[in-house]
Amino acid sequence: MSDNTKKLSWNNLALMAFVSVWGFGNVVNGFATQGMKVVISWILMFALYFVPYALMVGEMGSTFKEGKGGVSSWIRTTSGAKLAFLAGWTYWVVHVPYLAQKPQGVLIALGWAVKQDGSLVKSMNPMILQLICLVIFLAFLWISSKGVSSIKRIGTIAGTSMFVMSLLYVVLAIAAPAITGAQTYSIDFSMKNLMPDFNFEYLTSLAILVFAVGGCEKISPYVNNMKNPSKDFPKGMIALAVMVAVTALLGTFAMGMMFDPNNIPKDLMMNGAYYSFQKLGQYYGVGNLFLVIYALANMMAQISALAFSIDAPIKVLLADVDSRFIPKALTKVNENGTPINGYKMTAVLVGILIIVPAFGIGDMTSLFNWLLRLNAVVMPLRYLWVFFAYMALKKAAEGRFESTYKFTKNKTVGFIMGLWCFGFTAFACIMGMFPKGVEMFSSQWKFQMTLNVLTPVVLLGLGLILPLIARKSNKEENKTEAA
């Protein structure tokens, strides 16, 4: 087999990236947050943020082709081991709110599959439900510690099925009036209806959109597997942006045909995907068939994501980190190769984030929406390290790093683009901390705001404290071993 047959083409890369970056939930969350006005927001987000972000990732992946730790390796090479540890810590710790919400996703999907109306979760007391979520999380933490991978494989199949169904939803929903004569909402395509109001409320919703389009650094290792990286990678990324933009816009139009943009249900972020497939089944006369298939596929995908996100991030953190910054106790593994003390740390942090919010957030819908928005604040913090690494690369001495693909050959322009994406991401995360859907300065607003500020501060702050603990504990452990 020739080398060329083993290489990726630009369209191969675009499809791989599309599956890993985009999902139907992003369409639902965008519509739930801004209604039809999200159309212009998506266009601006793709043009001004997503395309440069993806092209920067391509240059980083091409420059550091031997780096096995992804962003951590980029930071280690450009800025040293300590910042590399903080980048690795950030990558791991932002998964804590994500893990805290996944058990909710499992229960919601199960409820729709069984009762087909969403009442199982909506009617539950938040504290009881969060205790059940804690039990589910601890059960899968134990399963993951045993090295069981079958759940992840099942989840891959379920995730692929869900992805295909999401694309089918867009096609079938838009075609429904012509094929079945279904009565849908008519969409007002005037600029007045589509143009966002660039006010404070709008700025607090940007984090959801940044959260939706981030994460393309996962495809950076494939830059060097391309036939012609300098030409094909930007083509692949532009194709990715076009595919995501078309899917986002058509998906938003499909949502606008099903739901009144001026009267969006409060629980649309929690149940919007299920409502959508339920209505789709009604349009085509198959009852809840589409709904049940989607709910079962989503439940398995949520289970897989829970198991994978417990295991993979902590292993990435501990596998490629300087021993000066991590206590030796955290790196100890059991007979299955699982860093068991790292798992215990995960259990404590996630357990706190599952239980504490239930004391101050009154109903399940508000709790789900809050946790989703908290993810949109915390998860993009890892993207900051991508842009930091890119700025460091552009500041490096001429000839220090070589790349087969460059986003821009001009160092100043490259640095400014990295700074723009860094600043915009940080701004979106800060604005995302302001609670939505509750009266400003009410007791619940203050409770949510406190958690929104404290969560990232505490999680990232632990990364600053850990090297101090490591210095002391490792010194004592070395003395014990020497004795």
Protein backbone atom coordinates (compact mmCIF):
# COMPACT_ATOMS: atom_id res chain seq x y z
CA MET A 1 0.00 0.00 0.00
CA SER A 2 1.45 3.39 -0.95
CA ASP A 3 1.92 6.13 1.61
CA ASN A 4 -0.70 8.28 -0.09
CA THR A 5 -3.43 5.69 0.49
CA LYS A 6 -2.67 5.86 4.21
CA LYS A 7 -2.90 9.66 4.29
CA LEU A 8 -5.99 11.68 5.16
CA SER A 9 -7.62 13.94 2.60
CA TRP A 10 -9.13 17.28 3.63
CA ASN A 11 -12.66 15.89 3.44
CA ASN A 12 -11.69 12.90 5.66
CA LEU A 13 -10.39 15.33 8.28
CA ALA A 14 -13.47 17.55 8.05
CA LEU A 15 -15.81 14.59 8.66
CA MET A 16 -13.73 13.29 11.59
CA ALA A 17 -13.69 16.73 13.18
CA PHE A 18 -17.40 17.28 12.58
CA VAL A 19 -18.38 14.11 14.46
CA SER A 20 -16.11 14.97 17.41
CA VAL A 21 -17.00 18.68 17.71
CA TRP A 22 -20.71 19.00 16.91
CA GLY A 23 -23.93 17.54 18.28
CA PHE A 24 -27.68 18.13 18.20
CA GLY A 25 -27.61 19.34 21.81
CA ASN A 26 -25.66 22.41 20.67
CA VAL A 27 -28.53 23.40 18.36
CA VAL A 28 -31.08 22.92 21.16
CA ASN A 29 -29.05 24.91 23.71
CA GLY A 30 -28.45 27.77 21.29
CA PHE A 31 -32.13 28.02 20.40
CA ALA A 32 -33.19 27.71 24.06
CA THR A 33 -30.86 30.58 24.98
CA GLN A 34 -31.53 33.08 22.18
CA GLY A 35 -34.42 31.79 20.04
CA MET A 36 -34.17 32.63 16.33
CA LYS A 37 -31.74 35.45 17.11
CA VAL A 38 -29.10 32.76 17.56
CA VAL A 39 -28.88 32.56 13.73
CA ILE A 40 -26.75 35.74 13.49
CA SER A 41 -24.86 34.73 16.64
CA TRP A 42 -23.85 31.42 15.04
CA ILE A 43 -22.65 33.16 11.88
CA LEU A 44 -20.54 35.63 13.86
CA MET A 45 -19.21 32.88 16.13
CA PHE A 46 -18.05 30.72 13.24
CA ALA A 47 -16.48 33.56 11.25
CA LEU A 48 -14.74 35.43 14.08
CA TYR A 49 -13.91 32.65 16.54
CA PHE A 50 -14.27 29.07 15.33
CA VAL A 51 -12.36 29.33 12.03
CA PRO A 52 -9.25 31.05 13.49
CA TYR A 53 -9.41 28.70 16.51
CA ALA A 54 -9.39 25.62 14.27
CA LEU A 55 -6.58 26.95 12.06
CA MET A 56 -4.42 27.77 15.12
CA VAL A 57 -4.93 24.21 16.34
CA GLY A 58 -3.72 22.98 12.97
CA GLU A 59 -0.48 24.94 13.23
CA MET A 60 0.11 23.79 16.82
CA GLY A 61 -0.48 20.16 15.89
CA SER A 62 1.84 20.42 12.92
CA THR A 63 4.58 22.16 14.92
CA PHE A 64 4.52 19.76 17.87
CA LYS A 65 3.85 16.55 15.96
CA GLU A 66 5.68 14.43 18.55
CA GLY A 67 3.78 15.84 21.53
CA LYS A 68 1.70 13.05 23.06
CA GLY A 69 0.08 15.16 25.77
CA GLY A 70 -1.76 17.52 23.43
CA VAL A 71 -2.06 21.03 24.86
CA SER A 72 0.12 20.12 27.87
CA SER A 73 2.94 19.13 25.54
CA TRP A 74 2.59 22.40 23.59
CA ILE A 75 2.81 24.40 26.83
CA ARG A 76 5.75 22.35 28.15
CA THR A 77 7.75 23.01 24.97
CA THR A 78 6.96 26.72 24.70
CA SER A 79 6.61 27.79 28.35
CA GLY A 80 8.03 25.18 30.73
CA ALA A 81 6.97 22.30 32.97
CA LYS A 82 5.09 24.29 35.63
CA LEU A 83 2.68 25.91 33.19
CA ALA A 84 2.35 22.53 31.44
CA PHE A 85 1.18 21.04 34.74
CA LEU A 86 -1.37 23.85 35.16
CA ALA A 87 -2.61 23.24 31.60
CA GLY A 88 -2.94 19.51 32.30
CA TRP A 89 -4.66 20.22 35.62
CA THR A 90 -7.12 22.59 33.89
CA TYR A 91 -7.91 19.98 31.24
CA TRP A 92 -8.75 17.47 33.96
CA VAL A 93 -10.50 19.65 36.51
CA VAL A 94 -12.95 21.27 34.04
CA HIS A 95 -14.47 17.80 33.67
CA VAL A 96 -15.72 17.90 37.28
CA PRO A 97 -18.94 19.87 36.51
CA TYR A 98 -19.32 17.75 33.35
CA LEU A 99 -19.20 14.56 35.44
CA ALA A 100 -21.64 16.09 37.93
CA GLN A 101 -24.24 16.54 35.17
CA LYS A 102 -23.85 13.26 33.28
CA PRO A 103 -25.90 11.18 35.80
CA GLN A 104 -28.74 13.68 35.29
CA GLY A 105 -28.52 13.03 31.56
CA VAL A 106 -28.74 9.27 32.14
CA LEU A 107 -31.86 9.63 34.32
CA ILE A 108 -33.56 12.09 31.95
CA ALA A 109 -32.99 9.79 28.95
CA LEU A 110 -34.20 6.76 30.93
CA GLY A 111 -37.33 8.65 32.00
CA TRP A 112 -38.19 9.59 28.41
CA ALA A 113 -37.54 6.04 27.17
CA VAL A 114 -39.81 4.53 29.85
CA LYS A 115 -42.57 7.11 30.44
CA GLN A 116 -42.19 9.08 27.17
CA ASP A 117 -43.27 12.36 28.76
CA GLY A 118 -40.31 13.64 30.82
CA SER A 119 -42.27 13.53 34.07
CA LEU A 120 -39.94 11.06 35.84
CA VAL A 121 -37.25 13.67 36.50
CA LYS A 122 -39.27 16.91 36.44
CA SER A 123 -41.50 15.80 39.31
CA MET A 124 -38.68 14.64 41.60
CA ASN A 125 -37.38 16.54 44.61
CA PRO A 126 -33.97 17.97 43.60
CA MET A 127 -32.22 16.58 46.69
CA ILE A 128 -33.57 13.05 46.14
CA LEU A 129 -32.67 13.18 42.47
CA GLN A 130 -29.15 14.45 43.19
CA LEU A 131 -28.64 11.66 45.73
CA ILE A 132 -29.63 9.16 43.02
CA CYS A 133 -27.21 10.92 40.66
CA LEU A 134 -24.46 10.56 43.26
CA VAL A 135 -25.14 6.83 43.54
CA ILE A 136 -25.03 6.49 39.72
CA PHE A 137 -21.76 8.42 39.56
CA LEU A 138 -20.12 6.36 42.32
CA ALA A 139 -21.31 3.13 40.65
CA PHE A 140 -19.65 4.09 37.36
CA LEU A 141 -16.56 5.33 39.19
CA TRP A 142 -16.24 1.82 40.63
CA ILE A 143 -16.90 0.21 37.22
CA SER A 144 -14.27 2.42 35.57
CA SER A 145 -11.73 1.53 38.27
CA LYS A 146 -12.09 -2.13 37.20
CA GLY A 147 -10.97 -1.28 33.69
CA VAL A 148 -14.27 -2.24 32.07
CA SER A 149 -14.35 -0.86 28.49
CA SER A 150 -17.45 -2.54 27.03
CA ILE A 151 -19.68 0.35 28.14
CA LYS A 152 -17.48 2.75 26.17
CA ARG A 153 -17.72 0.60 23.04
CA ILE A 154 -21.52 0.44 23.35
CA GLY A 155 -21.54 4.19 23.82
CA THR A 156 -19.57 4.70 20.61
CA ILE A 157 -22.28 2.84 18.68
CA ALA A 158 -25.02 4.76 20.52
CA GLY A 159 -23.25 8.08 19.96
CA THR A 160 -22.89 7.41 16.24
CA SER A 161 -26.57 6.45 16.03
CA MET A 162 -27.54 9.62 17.88
CA PHE A 163 -25.40 11.70 15.52
CA VAL A 164 -27.09 10.16 12.47
CA MET A 165 -30.52 10.73 14.03
CA SER A 166 -29.64 14.36 14.72
CA LEU A 167 -28.90 14.91 11.02
CA LEU A 168 -32.08 13.04 10.05
CA TYR A 169 -34.06 15.24 12.43
CA VAL A 170 -32.96 18.38 10.60
CA VAL A 171 -33.87 16.92 7.19
CA LEU A 172 -37.19 15.36 8.27
CA ALA A 173 -38.31 18.37 10.33
CA ILE A 174 -37.74 20.87 7.52
CA ALA A 175 -39.33 18.54 4.94
CA ALA A 176 -42.33 17.63 7.14
CA PRO A 177 -44.76 20.34 5.93
CA ALA A 178 -44.16 19.39 2.26
CA ILE A 179 -44.25 15.61 2.83
CA THR A 180 -46.93 15.21 5.51
CA GLY A 181 -48.73 18.56 5.50
CA ALA A 182 -47.78 19.06 9.16
CA GLN A 183 -48.81 22.38 10.68
CA THR A 184 -45.68 24.20 11.89
CA TYR A 185 -44.75 27.70 13.02
CA SER A 186 -43.87 30.09 10.19
CA ILE A 187 -40.45 31.71 10.57
CA ASP A 188 -40.01 35.45 10.19
CA PHE A 189 -36.74 35.87 8.27
CA SER A 190 -36.58 39.64 8.72
CA MET A 191 -33.34 41.05 10.16
CA LYS A 192 -35.36 42.51 13.04
CA ASN A 193 -36.34 38.98 14.06
CA LEU A 194 -32.88 37.44 13.52
CA MET A 195 -30.58 40.22 14.78
CA PRO A 196 -29.65 39.80 18.46
CA ASP A 197 -30.01 42.59 20.99
CA PHE A 198 -26.39 43.17 22.00
CA ASN A 199 -27.23 43.89 25.63
CA PHE A 200 -26.14 42.51 28.99
CA GLU A 201 -28.55 39.56 28.73
CA TYR A 202 -27.08 38.64 25.35
CA LEU A 203 -23.49 38.79 26.63
CA THR A 204 -24.33 36.34 29.43
CA SER A 205 -25.38 33.76 26.81
CA LEU A 206 -22.11 33.77 24.82
CA ALA A 207 -20.53 31.08 27.00
CA ILE A 208 -23.08 28.53 25.74
CA LEU A 209 -22.00 29.20 22.14
CA VAL A 210 -18.27 29.09 22.97
CA PHE A 211 -18.88 25.83 24.83
CA ALA A 212 -20.64 24.45 21.73
CA VAL A 213 -17.87 25.13 19.19
CA GLY A 214 -14.81 24.39 21.33
CA GLY A 215 -12.70 21.25 21.55
CA CYS A 216 -11.28 20.96 18.03
CA GLU A 217 -7.77 20.59 19.51
CA LYS A 218 -8.62 16.89 19.75
CA ILE A 219 -7.96 16.59 16.01
CA SER A 220 -4.57 18.34 16.05
CA PRO A 221 -2.50 15.07 15.91
CA TYR A 222 -4.00 14.28 12.49
CA VAL A 223 -2.43 17.30 10.79
CA ASN A 224 0.70 15.29 10.08
CA ASN A 225 -1.29 12.40 8.61
CA MET A 226 -2.47 14.52 5.73
CA LYS A 227 -1.28 14.32 2.13
CA ASN A 228 -0.60 18.05 1.89
CA PRO A 229 -0.94 19.72 5.33
CA SER A 230 -0.21 23.29 4.22
CA LYS A 231 -3.09 23.25 1.69
CA ASP A 232 -5.42 20.48 2.85
CA PHE A 233 -5.66 21.29 6.56
CA PRO A 234 -7.12 24.80 6.10
CA LYS A 235 -9.48 23.38 3.45
CA GLY A 236 -10.59 20.71 5.94
CA MET A 237 -11.14 23.27 8.70
CA ILE A 238 -13.07 25.62 6.41
CA ALA A 239 -15.18 22.63 5.30
CA LEU A 240 -15.73 21.79 8.98
CA ALA A 241 -16.84 25.35 9.71
CA VAL A 242 -19.24 25.29 6.74
CA MET A 243 -20.68 21.91 7.78
CA VAL A 244 -21.16 23.03 11.39
CA ALA A 245 -22.62 26.37 10.30
CA VAL A 246 -25.09 24.75 7.88
CA THR A 247 -26.13 22.18 10.50
CA ALA A 248 -26.51 24.87 13.18
CA LEU A 249 -28.56 27.16 10.95
CA LEU A 250 -30.80 24.44 9.47
CA GLY A 251 -31.19 22.91 12.94
CA THR A 252 -32.22 26.29 14.33
CA PHE A 253 -34.77 26.73 11.51
CA ALA A 254 -36.14 23.24 12.28
CA MET A 255 -36.45 24.17 15.97
CA GLY A 256 -38.14 27.45 14.98
CA MET A 257 -40.75 25.50 13.00
CA MET A 258 -41.54 23.30 16.02
CA PHE A 259 -41.35 25.78 18.91
CA ASP A 260 -42.61 29.34 19.26
CA PRO A 261 -39.41 31.45 19.48
CA ASN A 262 -41.33 34.04 21.53
CA ASN A 263 -42.53 31.47 24.06
CA ILE A 264 -39.63 29.04 24.60
CA PRO A 265 -40.33 26.37 27.27
CA LYS A 266 -38.24 26.83 30.41
CA ASP A 267 -37.10 23.20 30.26
CA LEU A 268 -36.07 23.27 26.58
CA MET A 269 -32.37 22.82 27.37
CA MET A 270 -33.21 19.78 29.50
CA ASN A 271 -35.91 18.21 27.33
CA GLY A 272 -35.76 20.02 23.97
CA ALA A 273 -34.18 17.14 22.03
CA TYR A 274 -36.87 14.75 23.32
CA TYR A 275 -39.71 17.18 22.55
CA SER A 276 -38.26 17.55 19.05
CA PHE A 277 -38.20 13.83 18.27
CA GLN A 278 -41.62 13.38 19.85
CA LYS A 279 -43.10 16.03 17.55
CA LEU A 280 -41.23 14.54 14.58
CA GLY A 281 -42.90 11.17 15.25
CA GLN A 282 -46.28 12.88 15.37
CA TYR A 283 -45.63 14.60 12.03
CA TYR A 284 -44.85 11.28 10.33
CA GLY A 285 -47.52 9.21 12.08
CA VAL A 286 -45.16 6.83 13.93
CA GLY A 287 -46.08 7.90 17.46
CA ASN A 288 -43.15 7.99 19.87
CA LEU A 289 -40.90 5.68 17.82
CA PHE A 290 -38.29 8.37 17.04
CA LEU A 291 -38.42 9.55 20.65
CA VAL A 292 -37.79 6.11 22.17
CA ILE A 293 -34.92 5.32 19.76
CA TYR A 294 -33.28 8.68 20.49
CA ALA A 295 -33.78 8.35 24.25
CA LEU A 296 -32.21 4.85 24.37
CA ALA A 297 -29.30 5.91 22.16
CA ASN A 298 -28.77 9.03 24.24
CA MET A 299 -28.89 7.08 27.50
CA MET A 300 -26.14 4.72 26.30
CA ALA A 301 -24.09 7.63 24.95
CA GLN A 302 -24.42 9.45 28.30
CA ILE A 303 -23.31 6.31 30.17
CA SER A 304 -20.32 5.93 27.86
CA ALA A 305 -19.37 9.60 28.21
CA LEU A 306 -19.61 9.28 32.00
CA ALA A 307 -17.33 6.23 32.11
CA PHE A 308 -14.86 7.66 29.59
CA SER A 309 -14.71 11.10 31.23
CA ILE A 310 -14.02 9.58 34.63
CA ASP A 311 -11.09 7.59 33.29
CA ALA A 312 -9.39 9.42 30.42
CA PRO A 313 -8.78 12.97 31.78
CA ILE A 314 -7.22 11.82 35.08
CA LYS A 315 -4.94 9.41 33.22
CA VAL A 316 -3.88 12.17 30.82
CA LEU A 317 -3.09 14.43 33.78
CA LEU A 318 -1.06 11.84 35.69
CA ALA A 319 0.66 10.20 32.71
CA ASP A 320 2.39 13.30 31.34
CA VAL A 321 3.15 15.47 34.36
CA ASP A 322 6.33 16.49 36.14
CA SER A 323 6.62 14.54 39.43
CA ARG A 324 7.48 17.78 41.25
CA PHE A 325 3.90 19.01 40.93
CA ILE A 326 1.85 15.93 41.83
CA PRO A 327 1.97 14.02 45.15
CA LYS A 328 3.27 10.50 44.51
CA ALA A 329 0.21 9.11 46.28
CA LEU A 330 -2.02 10.36 43.45
CA THR A 331 -0.03 8.46 40.80
CA LYS A 332 -0.29 5.05 42.48
CA VAL A 333 -2.31 2.56 40.43
CA ASN A 334 -4.23 -0.62 41.23
CA GLU A 335 -3.94 -3.99 39.47
CA ASN A 336 -6.03 -2.64 36.56
CA GLY A 337 -3.72 0.31 35.96
CA THR A 338 -6.23 2.72 37.51
CA PRO A 339 -4.89 5.70 39.53
CA ILE A 340 -7.09 4.84 42.48
CA ASN A 341 -6.24 7.87 44.63
CA GLY A 342 -6.89 10.10 41.65
CA TYR A 343 -10.30 8.46 41.40
CA LYS A 344 -10.93 9.21 45.08
CA MET A 345 -10.09 12.89 44.50
CA THR A 346 -12.51 12.88 41.57
CA ALA A 347 -15.22 11.31 43.76
CA VAL A 348 -14.87 14.01 46.43
CA LEU A 349 -14.95 16.98 44.05
CA VAL A 350 -17.80 15.65 41.89
CA GLY A 351 -19.77 14.50 44.94
CA ILE A 352 -19.66 18.01 46.42
CA LEU A 353 -20.80 19.56 43.14
CA ILE A 354 -23.67 17.07 42.83
CA ILE A 355 -25.07 17.60 46.33
CA VAL A 356 -24.40 21.24 47.34
CA PRO A 357 -26.47 22.96 44.58
CA ALA A 358 -29.57 20.95 45.54
CA PHE A 359 -29.74 22.89 48.83
CA GLY A 360 -30.34 26.24 47.13
CA ILE A 361 -31.80 25.58 43.67
CA GLY A 362 -35.49 24.92 44.01
CA ASP A 363 -36.57 22.72 41.09
CA MET A 364 -35.08 20.15 38.74
CA THR A 365 -35.32 22.26 35.59
CA SER A 366 -33.48 25.17 37.23
CA LEU A 367 -30.88 22.78 38.60
CA PHE A 368 -30.24 21.22 35.18
CA ASN A 369 -30.08 24.59 33.42
CA TRP A 370 -27.71 25.97 36.06
CA LEU A 371 -25.35 22.98 35.83
CA LEU A 372 -25.32 23.18 32.02
CA ARG A 373 -24.46 26.87 32.16
CA LEU A 374 -21.78 26.17 34.78
CA ASN A 375 -20.24 23.71 32.31
CA ALA A 376 -20.30 26.49 29.72
CA VAL A 377 -18.33 28.68 32.14
CA VAL A 378 -15.81 26.07 33.29
CA MET A 379 -15.18 23.82 30.26
CA PRO A 380 -13.93 26.61 27.92
CA LEU A 381 -11.21 27.47 30.45
CA ARG A 382 -9.14 24.68 28.88
CA TYR A 383 -9.35 26.43 25.51
CA LEU A 384 -7.45 29.37 27.04
CA TRP A 385 -4.32 27.20 27.14
CA VAL A 386 -4.61 26.53 23.39
CA PHE A 387 -4.50 30.26 22.67
CA PHE A 388 -1.79 30.85 25.29
CA ALA A 389 0.35 28.19 23.62
CA TYR A 390 -0.25 29.75 20.22
CA MET A 391 0.78 33.19 21.46
CA ALA A 392 3.91 31.65 23.00
CA LEU A 393 4.67 29.95 19.69
CA LYS A 394 4.41 33.26 17.83
CA LYS A 395 6.67 34.98 20.36
CA ALA A 396 9.34 32.28 20.05
CA ALA A 397 12.65 33.08 18.37
CA GLU A 398 12.80 32.74 14.59
CA GLY A 399 13.68 29.22 13.53
CA ARG A 400 13.09 27.63 16.95
CA PHE A 401 9.98 25.79 15.77
CA GLU A 402 9.19 24.54 12.28
CA SER A 403 5.78 23.59 10.90
CA THR A 404 4.53 22.08 7.66
CA TYR A 405 1.38 24.21 8.01
CA LYS A 406 1.05 27.81 9.23
CA PHE A 407 -2.20 29.61 9.97
CA THR A 408 -0.31 32.84 9.29
CA LYS A 409 3.37 33.45 8.59
CA ASN A 410 3.21 36.91 10.17
CA LYS A 411 4.10 36.55 13.85
CA THR A 412 2.39 39.79 14.91
CA VAL A 413 -0.88 38.92 13.16
CA GLY A 414 -0.74 35.41 14.66
CA PHE A 415 -0.15 36.76 18.16
CA ILE A 416 -3.05 39.23 17.83
CA MET A 417 -5.39 36.45 16.62
CA GLY A 418 -4.36 34.27 19.58
CA LEU A 419 -4.90 37.20 21.95
CA TRP A 420 -8.34 37.91 20.44
CA CYS A 421 -9.49 34.31 20.90
CA PHE A 422 -8.01 34.18 24.43
CA GLY A 423 -9.71 37.43 25.43
CA PHE A 424 -13.06 36.52 23.89
CA THR A 425 -13.09 33.11 25.59
CA ALA A 426 -12.23 34.63 28.99
CA PHE A 427 -14.87 37.34 28.53
CA ALA A 428 -17.56 34.79 27.59
CA CYS A 429 -16.70 32.66 30.65
CA ILE A 430 -16.89 35.66 33.01
CA MET A 431 -20.20 36.87 31.55
CA GLY A 432 -21.55 33.30 31.72
CA MET A 433 -21.21 33.45 35.51
CA PHE A 434 -24.23 35.78 35.74
CA PRO A 435 -27.31 33.59 36.36
CA LYS A 436 -30.14 33.50 33.82
CA GLY A 437 -33.79 32.68 34.33
CA VAL A 438 -33.98 33.97 37.92
CA GLU A 439 -34.72 37.42 39.34
CA MET A 440 -31.55 39.45 39.70
CA PHE A 441 -30.30 39.76 43.29
CA SER A 442 -32.90 37.31 44.60
CA SER A 443 -31.69 34.69 47.10
CA GLN A 444 -31.50 32.04 44.36
CA TRP A 445 -29.63 34.46 42.04
CA LYS A 446 -27.09 35.13 44.78
CA PHE A 447 -26.74 31.39 45.50
CA GLN A 448 -26.14 30.54 41.83
CA MET A 449 -23.77 33.48 41.35
CA THR A 450 -21.73 32.42 44.38
CA LEU A 451 -21.41 28.87 43.07
CA ASN A 452 -20.60 30.12 39.55
CA VAL A 453 -17.69 32.18 40.89
CA LEU A 454 -16.46 29.80 43.57
CA THR A 455 -16.49 26.63 41.42
CA PRO A 456 -13.85 27.68 38.85
CA VAL A 457 -11.83 29.56 41.49
CA VAL A 458 -11.70 26.54 43.81
CA LEU A 459 -11.11 23.98 41.05
CA LEU A 460 -8.29 25.97 39.43
CA GLY A 461 -6.96 27.04 42.84
CA LEU A 462 -6.41 23.40 43.80
CA GLY A 463 -4.00 23.22 40.87
CA LEU A 464 -1.93 25.99 42.45
CA ILE A 465 -1.95 24.34 45.87
CA LEU A 466 -1.16 20.80 44.69
CA PRO A 467 2.55 21.47 43.90
CA LEU A 468 3.00 22.78 47.47
CA ILE A 469 1.41 19.62 48.86
CA ALA A 470 3.54 17.53 46.48
CA ARG A 471 6.76 19.21 47.62
CA LYS A 472 6.03 18.38 51.26
CA SER A 473 4.50 14.91 50.85
CA ASN A 474 7.05 13.69 48.32
CA LYS A 475 9.92 14.80 50.55
CA GLU A 476 8.46 12.85 53.48
CA GLU A 477 7.79 9.81 51.30
CA ASN A 478 11.36 9.87 49.96
CA LYS A 479 12.70 9.97 53.53
CA THR A 480 10.52 6.98 54.45
CA GLU A 481 11.71 5.01 51.42
CA ALA A 482 15.34 5.86 52.19
CA ALA A 483 14.93 4.69 55.78
